Amino acid sequence: MDELLNISYRDAMDQLDKIIQDLENGAIEIDELDSTMERAQALLAYCQEKLRKIESKIERSKSV
């Protein structure tokens, strides 16, 4: 997930959207499926962590 440190949340979501579209359209070859799914899982974890951090900051700011 180190390569994800330099991308924005929006870019990560765009990549996830593209993967989903490709899966739905059958555009991913079976040989690429494993690495594509690993990339999707990493992107999803990255986005979830970004959201978790933002939610935490919001909660902390409410309690001040």
PDB file of N, CA and C in Angstrom:
ATOM      1  N   MET A   1       0.822  -1.187   0.000  1.00  0.00           N
ATOM      2  CA  MET A   1       0.000   0.000   0.000  1.00  0.00           C
ATOM      3  C   MET A   1       0.869   1.254   0.000  1.00  0.00           C
ATOM      4  N   ASP A   2       2.174   1.113   0.023  1.00  0.00           N
ATOM      5  CA  ASP A   2       3.064   2.264   0.025  1.00  0.00           C
ATOM      6  C   ASP A   2       2.870   3.150  -1.188  1.00  0.00           C
ATOM      7  N   GLU A   3       2.577   2.546  -2.341  1.00  0.00           N
ATOM      8  CA  GLU A   3       2.391   3.341  -3.556  1.00  0.00           C
ATOM      9  C   GLU A   3       1.138   4.205  -3.474  1.00  0.00           C
ATOM     10  N   LEU A   4       0.255   3.929  -2.543  1.00  0.00           N
ATOM     11  CA  LEU A   4      -0.966   4.705  -2.386  1.00  0.00           C
ATOM     12  C   LEU A   4      -0.743   5.981  -1.578  1.00  0.00           C
ATOM     13  N   LEU A   5       0.412   6.117  -0.965  1.00  0.00           N
ATOM     14  CA  LEU A   5       0.666   7.295  -0.143  1.00  0.00           C
ATOM     15  C   LEU A   5       0.680   8.580  -0.954  1.00  0.00           C
ATOM     16  N   ASN A   6       0.937   8.472  -2.240  1.00  0.00           N
ATOM     17  CA  ASN A   6       1.066   9.665  -3.075  1.00  0.00           C
ATOM     18  C   ASN A   6      -0.159   9.951  -3.930  1.00  0.00           C
ATOM     19  N   ILE A   7      -1.276   9.289  -3.676  1.00  0.00           N
ATOM     20  CA  ILE A   7      -2.466   9.583  -4.467  1.00  0.00           C
ATOM     21  C   ILE A   7      -3.547  10.170  -3.569  1.00  0.00           C
ATOM     22  N   SER A   8      -4.427  10.906  -4.181  1.00  0.00           N
ATOM     23  CA  SER A   8      -5.516  11.528  -3.428  1.00  0.00           C
ATOM     24  C   SER A   8      -6.647  10.517  -3.235  1.00  0.00           C
ATOM     25  N   TYR A   9      -7.519  10.854  -2.318  1.00  0.00           N
ATOM     26  CA  TYR A   9      -8.708  10.039  -2.090  1.00  0.00           C
ATOM     27  C   TYR A   9      -9.512   9.942  -3.385  1.00  0.00           C
ATOM     28  N   ARG A  10      -9.687  11.056  -4.082  1.00  0.00           N
ATOM     29  CA  ARG A  10     -10.452  11.092  -5.336  1.00  0.00           C
ATOM     30  C   ARG A  10      -9.822  10.175  -6.379  1.00  0.00           C
ATOM     31  N   ASP A  11      -8.485  10.209  -6.505  1.00  0.00           N
ATOM     32  CA  ASP A  11      -7.808   9.331  -7.465  1.00  0.00           C
ATOM     33  C   ASP A  11      -8.019   7.862  -7.113  1.00  0.00           C
ATOM     34  N   ALA A  12      -7.957   7.553  -5.820  1.00  0.00           N
ATOM     35  CA  ALA A  12      -8.175   6.171  -5.383  1.00  0.00           C
ATOM     36  C   ALA A  12      -9.600   5.731  -5.708  1.00  0.00           C
ATOM     37  N   MET A  13     -10.561   6.601  -5.450  1.00  0.00           N
ATOM     38  CA  MET A  13     -11.957   6.271  -5.767  1.00  0.00           C
ATOM     39  C   MET A  13     -12.159   6.121  -7.275  1.00  0.00           C
ATOM     40  N   ASP A  14     -11.517   6.969  -8.058  1.00  0.00           N
ATOM     41  CA  ASP A  14     -11.608   6.854  -9.521  1.00  0.00           C
ATOM     42  C   ASP A  14     -11.055   5.514  -9.996  1.00  0.00           C
ATOM     43  N   GLN A  15      -9.935   5.095  -9.403  1.00  0.00           N
ATOM     44  CA  GLN A  15      -9.359   3.800  -9.775  1.00  0.00           C
ATOM     45  C   GLN A  15     -10.287   2.654  -9.386  1.00  0.00           C
ATOM     46  N   LEU A  16     -10.893   2.758  -8.213  1.00  0.00           N
ATOM     47  CA  LEU A  16     -11.856   1.732  -7.801  1.00  0.00           C
ATOM     48  C   LEU A  16     -13.050   1.684  -8.743  1.00  0.00           C
ATOM     49  N   ASP A  17     -13.568   2.846  -9.112  1.00  0.00           N
ATOM     50  CA  ASP A  17     -14.685   2.899 -10.059  1.00  0.00           C
ATOM     51  C   ASP A  17     -14.316   2.239 -11.382  1.00  0.00           C
ATOM     52  N   LYS A  18     -13.108   2.490 -11.861  1.00  0.00           N
ATOM     53  CA  LYS A  18     -12.647   1.907 -13.125  1.00  0.00           C
ATOM     54  C   LYS A  18     -12.567   0.384 -13.010  1.00  0.00           C
ATOM     55  N   ILE A  19     -12.036  -0.102 -11.900  1.00  0.00           N
ATOM     56  CA  ILE A  19     -11.945  -1.551 -11.686  1.00  0.00           C
ATOM     57  C   ILE A  19     -13.336  -2.167 -11.687  1.00  0.00           C
ATOM     58  N   ILE A  20     -14.276  -1.532 -10.991  1.00  0.00           N
ATOM     59  CA  ILE A  20     -15.647  -2.048 -10.943  1.00  0.00           C
ATOM     60  C   ILE A  20     -16.265  -2.078 -12.331  1.00  0.00           C
ATOM     61  N   GLN A  21     -16.092  -1.010 -13.090  1.00  0.00           N
ATOM     62  CA  GLN A  21     -16.627  -0.972 -14.455  1.00  0.00           C
ATOM     63  C   GLN A  21     -16.014  -2.076 -15.311  1.00  0.00           C
ATOM     64  N   ASP A  22     -14.694  -2.240 -15.194  1.00  0.00           N
ATOM     65  CA  ASP A  22     -14.018  -3.280 -15.977  1.00  0.00           C
ATOM     66  C   ASP A  22     -14.512  -4.674 -15.593  1.00  0.00           C
ATOM     67  N   LEU A  23     -14.730  -4.898 -14.291  1.00  0.00           N
ATOM     68  CA  LEU A  23     -15.253  -6.193 -13.846  1.00  0.00           C
ATOM     69  C   LEU A  23     -16.652  -6.432 -14.401  1.00  0.00           C
ATOM     70  N   GLU A  24     -17.500  -5.408 -14.311  1.00  0.00           N
ATOM     71  CA  GLU A  24     -18.873  -5.541 -14.794  1.00  0.00           C
ATOM     72  C   GLU A  24     -18.931  -5.760 -16.304  1.00  0.00           C
ATOM     73  N   ASN A  25     -17.975  -5.180 -17.024  1.00  0.00           N
ATOM     74  CA  ASN A  25     -17.964  -5.293 -18.482  1.00  0.00           C
ATOM     75  C   ASN A  25     -17.157  -6.478 -18.989  1.00  0.00           C
ATOM     76  N   GLY A  26     -16.572  -7.245 -18.077  1.00  0.00           N
ATOM     77  CA  GLY A  26     -15.753  -8.385 -18.495  1.00  0.00           C
ATOM     78  C   GLY A  26     -14.472  -7.979 -19.174  1.00  0.00           C
ATOM     79  N   ALA A  27     -13.963  -6.797 -18.853  1.00  0.00           N
ATOM     80  CA  ALA A  27     -12.775  -6.264 -19.517  1.00  0.00           C
ATOM     81  C   ALA A  27     -11.472  -6.697 -18.855  1.00  0.00           C
ATOM     82  N   ILE A  28     -11.560  -7.456 -17.776  1.00  0.00           N
ATOM     83  CA  ILE A  28     -10.350  -7.908 -17.082  1.00  0.00           C
ATOM     84  C   ILE A  28     -10.120  -9.370 -17.418  1.00  0.00           C
ATOM     85  N   GLU A  29      -8.949  -9.645 -17.948  1.00  0.00           N
ATOM     86  CA  GLU A  29      -8.578 -11.016 -18.288  1.00  0.00           C
ATOM     87  C   GLU A  29      -8.393 -11.833 -17.008  1.00  0.00           C
ATOM     88  N   ILE A  30      -8.641 -13.105 -17.099  1.00  0.00           N
ATOM     89  CA  ILE A  30      -8.528 -13.993 -15.941  1.00  0.00           C
ATOM     90  C   ILE A  30      -7.119 -13.938 -15.351  1.00  0.00           C
ATOM     91  N   ASP A  31      -6.101 -13.765 -16.203  1.00  0.00           N
ATOM     92  CA  ASP A  31      -4.722 -13.696 -15.726  1.00  0.00           C
ATOM     93  C   ASP A  31      -4.466 -12.424 -14.919  1.00  0.00           C
ATOM     94  N   GLU A  32      -5.261 -11.398 -15.116  1.00  0.00           N
ATOM     95  CA  GLU A  32      -5.093 -10.126 -14.412  1.00  0.00           C
ATOM     96  C   GLU A  32      -6.013 -10.014 -13.200  1.00  0.00           C
ATOM     97  N   LEU A  33      -6.924 -10.942 -13.064  1.00  0.00           N
ATOM     98  CA  LEU A  33      -7.953 -10.830 -12.034  1.00  0.00           C
ATOM     99  C   LEU A  33      -7.377 -10.785 -10.626  1.00  0.00           C
ATOM    100  N   ASP A  34      -6.431 -11.642 -10.322  1.00  0.00           N
ATOM    101  CA  ASP A  34      -5.859 -11.695  -8.976  1.00  0.00           C
ATOM    102  C   ASP A  34      -5.190 -10.371  -8.611  1.00  0.00           C
ATOM    103  N   SER A  35      -4.345  -9.858  -9.477  1.00  0.00           N
ATOM    104  CA  SER A  35      -3.650  -8.604  -9.178  1.00  0.00           C
ATOM    105  C   SER A  35      -4.623  -7.420  -9.161  1.00  0.00           C
ATOM    106  N   THR A  36      -5.647  -7.475  -9.994  1.00  0.00           N
ATOM    107  CA  THR A  36      -6.646  -6.410 -10.004  1.00  0.00           C
ATOM    108  C   THR A  36      -7.435  -6.398  -8.700  1.00  0.00           C
ATOM    109  N   MET A  37      -7.788  -7.563  -8.215  1.00  0.00           N
ATOM    110  CA  MET A  37      -8.527  -7.642  -6.959  1.00  0.00           C
ATOM    111  C   MET A  37      -7.661  -7.203  -5.774  1.00  0.00           C
ATOM    112  N   GLU A  38      -6.387  -7.546  -5.811  1.00  0.00           N
ATOM    113  CA  GLU A  38      -5.471  -7.089  -4.762  1.00  0.00           C
ATOM    114  C   GLU A  38      -5.368  -5.562  -4.774  1.00  0.00           C
ATOM    115  N   ARG A  39      -5.297  -4.986  -5.966  1.00  0.00           N
ATOM    116  CA  ARG A  39      -5.241  -3.525  -6.092  1.00  0.00           C
ATOM    117  C   ARG A  39      -6.531  -2.914  -5.550  1.00  0.00           C
ATOM    118  N   ALA A  40      -7.659  -3.493  -5.893  1.00  0.00           N
ATOM    119  CA  ALA A  40      -8.940  -2.982  -5.415  1.00  0.00           C
ATOM    120  C   ALA A  40      -9.016  -3.051  -3.889  1.00  0.00           C
ATOM    121  N   GLN A  41      -8.556  -4.129  -3.306  1.00  0.00           N
ATOM    122  CA  GLN A  41      -8.568  -4.262  -1.848  1.00  0.00           C
ATOM    123  C   GLN A  41      -7.671  -3.211  -1.199  1.00  0.00           C
ATOM    124  N   ALA A  42      -6.511  -2.963  -1.782  1.00  0.00           N
ATOM    125  CA  ALA A  42      -5.597  -1.956  -1.246  1.00  0.00           C
ATOM    126  C   ALA A  42      -6.205  -0.561  -1.358  1.00  0.00           C
ATOM    127  N   LEU A  43      -6.824  -0.272  -2.496  1.00  0.00           N
ATOM    128  CA  LEU A  43      -7.471   1.030  -2.684  1.00  0.00           C
ATOM    129  C   LEU A  43      -8.611   1.221  -1.693  1.00  0.00           C
ATOM    130  N   LEU A  44      -9.396   0.189  -1.505  1.00  0.00           N
ATOM    131  CA  LEU A  44     -10.512   0.260  -0.567  1.00  0.00           C
ATOM    132  C   LEU A  44     -10.020   0.487   0.863  1.00  0.00           C
ATOM    133  N   ALA A  45      -8.996  -0.239   1.268  1.00  0.00           N
ATOM    134  CA  ALA A  45      -8.434  -0.070   2.609  1.00  0.00           C
ATOM    135  C   ALA A  45      -7.884   1.343   2.781  1.00  0.00           C
ATOM    136  N   TYR A  46      -7.228   1.855   1.757  1.00  0.00           N
ATOM    137  CA  TYR A  46      -6.682   3.223   1.785  1.00  0.00           C
ATOM    138  C   TYR A  46      -7.809   4.233   1.976  1.00  0.00           C
ATOM    139  N   CYS A  47      -8.874   4.118   1.213  1.00  0.00           N
ATOM    140  CA  CYS A  47     -10.003   5.049   1.309  1.00  0.00           C
ATOM    141  C   CYS A  47     -10.689   4.946   2.665  1.00  0.00           C
ATOM    142  N   GLN A  48     -10.872   3.739   3.151  1.00  0.00           N
ATOM    143  CA  GLN A  48     -11.501   3.556   4.458  1.00  0.00           C
ATOM    144  C   GLN A  48     -10.659   4.180   5.567  1.00  0.00           C
ATOM    145  N   GLU A  49      -9.354   4.029   5.476  1.00  0.00           N
ATOM    146  CA  GLU A  49      -8.468   4.612   6.479  1.00  0.00           C
ATOM    147  C   GLU A  49      -8.504   6.139   6.423  1.00  0.00           C
ATOM    148  N   LYS A  50      -8.523   6.700   5.221  1.00  0.00           N
ATOM    149  CA  LYS A  50      -8.637   8.158   5.077  1.00  0.00           C
ATOM    150  C   LYS A  50      -9.918   8.651   5.731  1.00  0.00           C
ATOM    151  N   LEU A  51     -11.027   7.968   5.475  1.00  0.00           N
ATOM    152  CA  LEU A  51     -12.306   8.359   6.056  1.00  0.00           C
ATOM    153  C   LEU A  51     -12.298   8.202   7.574  1.00  0.00           C
ATOM    154  N   ARG A  52     -11.697   7.137   8.062  1.00  0.00           N
ATOM    155  CA  ARG A  52     -11.617   6.911   9.503  1.00  0.00           C
ATOM    156  C   ARG A  52     -10.852   8.042  10.183  1.00  0.00           C
ATOM    157  N   LYS A  53      -9.746   8.469   9.571  1.00  0.00           N
ATOM    158  CA  LYS A  53      -8.951   9.560  10.138  1.00  0.00           C
ATOM    159  C   LYS A  53      -9.741  10.872  10.156  1.00  0.00           C
ATOM    160  N   ILE A  54     -10.463  11.131   9.092  1.00  0.00           N
ATOM    161  CA  ILE A  54     -11.266  12.352   9.024  1.00  0.00           C
ATOM    162  C   ILE A  54     -12.375  12.313  10.072  1.00  0.00           C
ATOM    163  N   GLU A  55     -13.048  11.183  10.186  1.00  0.00           N
ATOM    164  CA  GLU A  55     -14.104  11.045  11.199  1.00  0.00           C
ATOM    165  C   GLU A  55     -13.544  11.250  12.596  1.00  0.00           C
ATOM    166  N   SER A  56     -12.360  10.734  12.848  1.00  0.00           N
ATOM    167  CA  SER A  56     -11.723  10.886  14.146  1.00  0.00           C
ATOM    168  C   SER A  56     -11.418  12.360  14.430  1.00  0.00           C
ATOM    169  N   LYS A  57     -10.915  13.069  13.436  1.00  0.00           N
ATOM    170  CA  LYS A  57     -10.628  14.497  13.602  1.00  0.00           C
ATOM    171  C   LYS A  57     -11.910  15.273  13.875  1.00  0.00           C
ATOM    172  N   ILE A  58     -12.972  14.932  13.178  1.00  0.00           N
ATOM    173  CA  ILE A  58     -14.250  15.614  13.393  1.00  0.00           C
ATOM    174  C   ILE A  58     -14.736  15.368  14.809  1.00  0.00           C
ATOM    175  N   GLU A  59     -14.675  14.133  15.269  1.00  0.00           N
ATOM    176  CA  GLU A  59     -15.113  13.808  16.623  1.00  0.00           C
ATOM    177  C   GLU A  59     -14.274  14.544  17.658  1.00  0.00           C
ATOM    178  N   ARG A  60     -12.963  14.612  17.443  1.00  0.00           N
ATOM    179  CA  ARG A  60     -12.107  15.335  18.383  1.00  0.00           C
ATOM    180  C   ARG A  60     -12.455  16.821  18.408  1.00  0.00           C
ATOM    181  N   SER A  61     -12.742  17.393  17.248  1.00  0.00           N
ATOM    182  CA  SER A  61     -13.052  18.817  17.200  1.00  0.00           C
ATOM    183  C   SER A  61     -14.404  19.121  17.871  1.00  0.00           C
ATOM    184  N   LYS A  62     -15.309  18.164  17.864  1.00  0.00           N
ATOM    185  CA  LYS A  62     -16.599  18.337  18.535  1.00  0.00           C
ATOM    186  C   LYS A  62     -16.441  18.377  20.051  1.00  0.00           C
ATOM    187  N   SER A  63     -15.464  17.657  20.547  1.00  0.00           N
ATOM    188  CA  SER A  63     -15.299  17.550  21.990  1.00  0.00           C
ATOM    189  C   SER A  63     -14.440  18.663  22.571  1.00  0.00           C
ATOM    190  N   VAL A  64     -13.969  19.560  21.749  1.00  0.00           N
ATOM    191  CA  VAL A  64     -13.126  20.665  22.246  1.00  0.00           C
ATOM    192  C   VAL A  64     -13.970  21.825  22.690  1.00  0.00           C
TER     193      VAL A  64
END
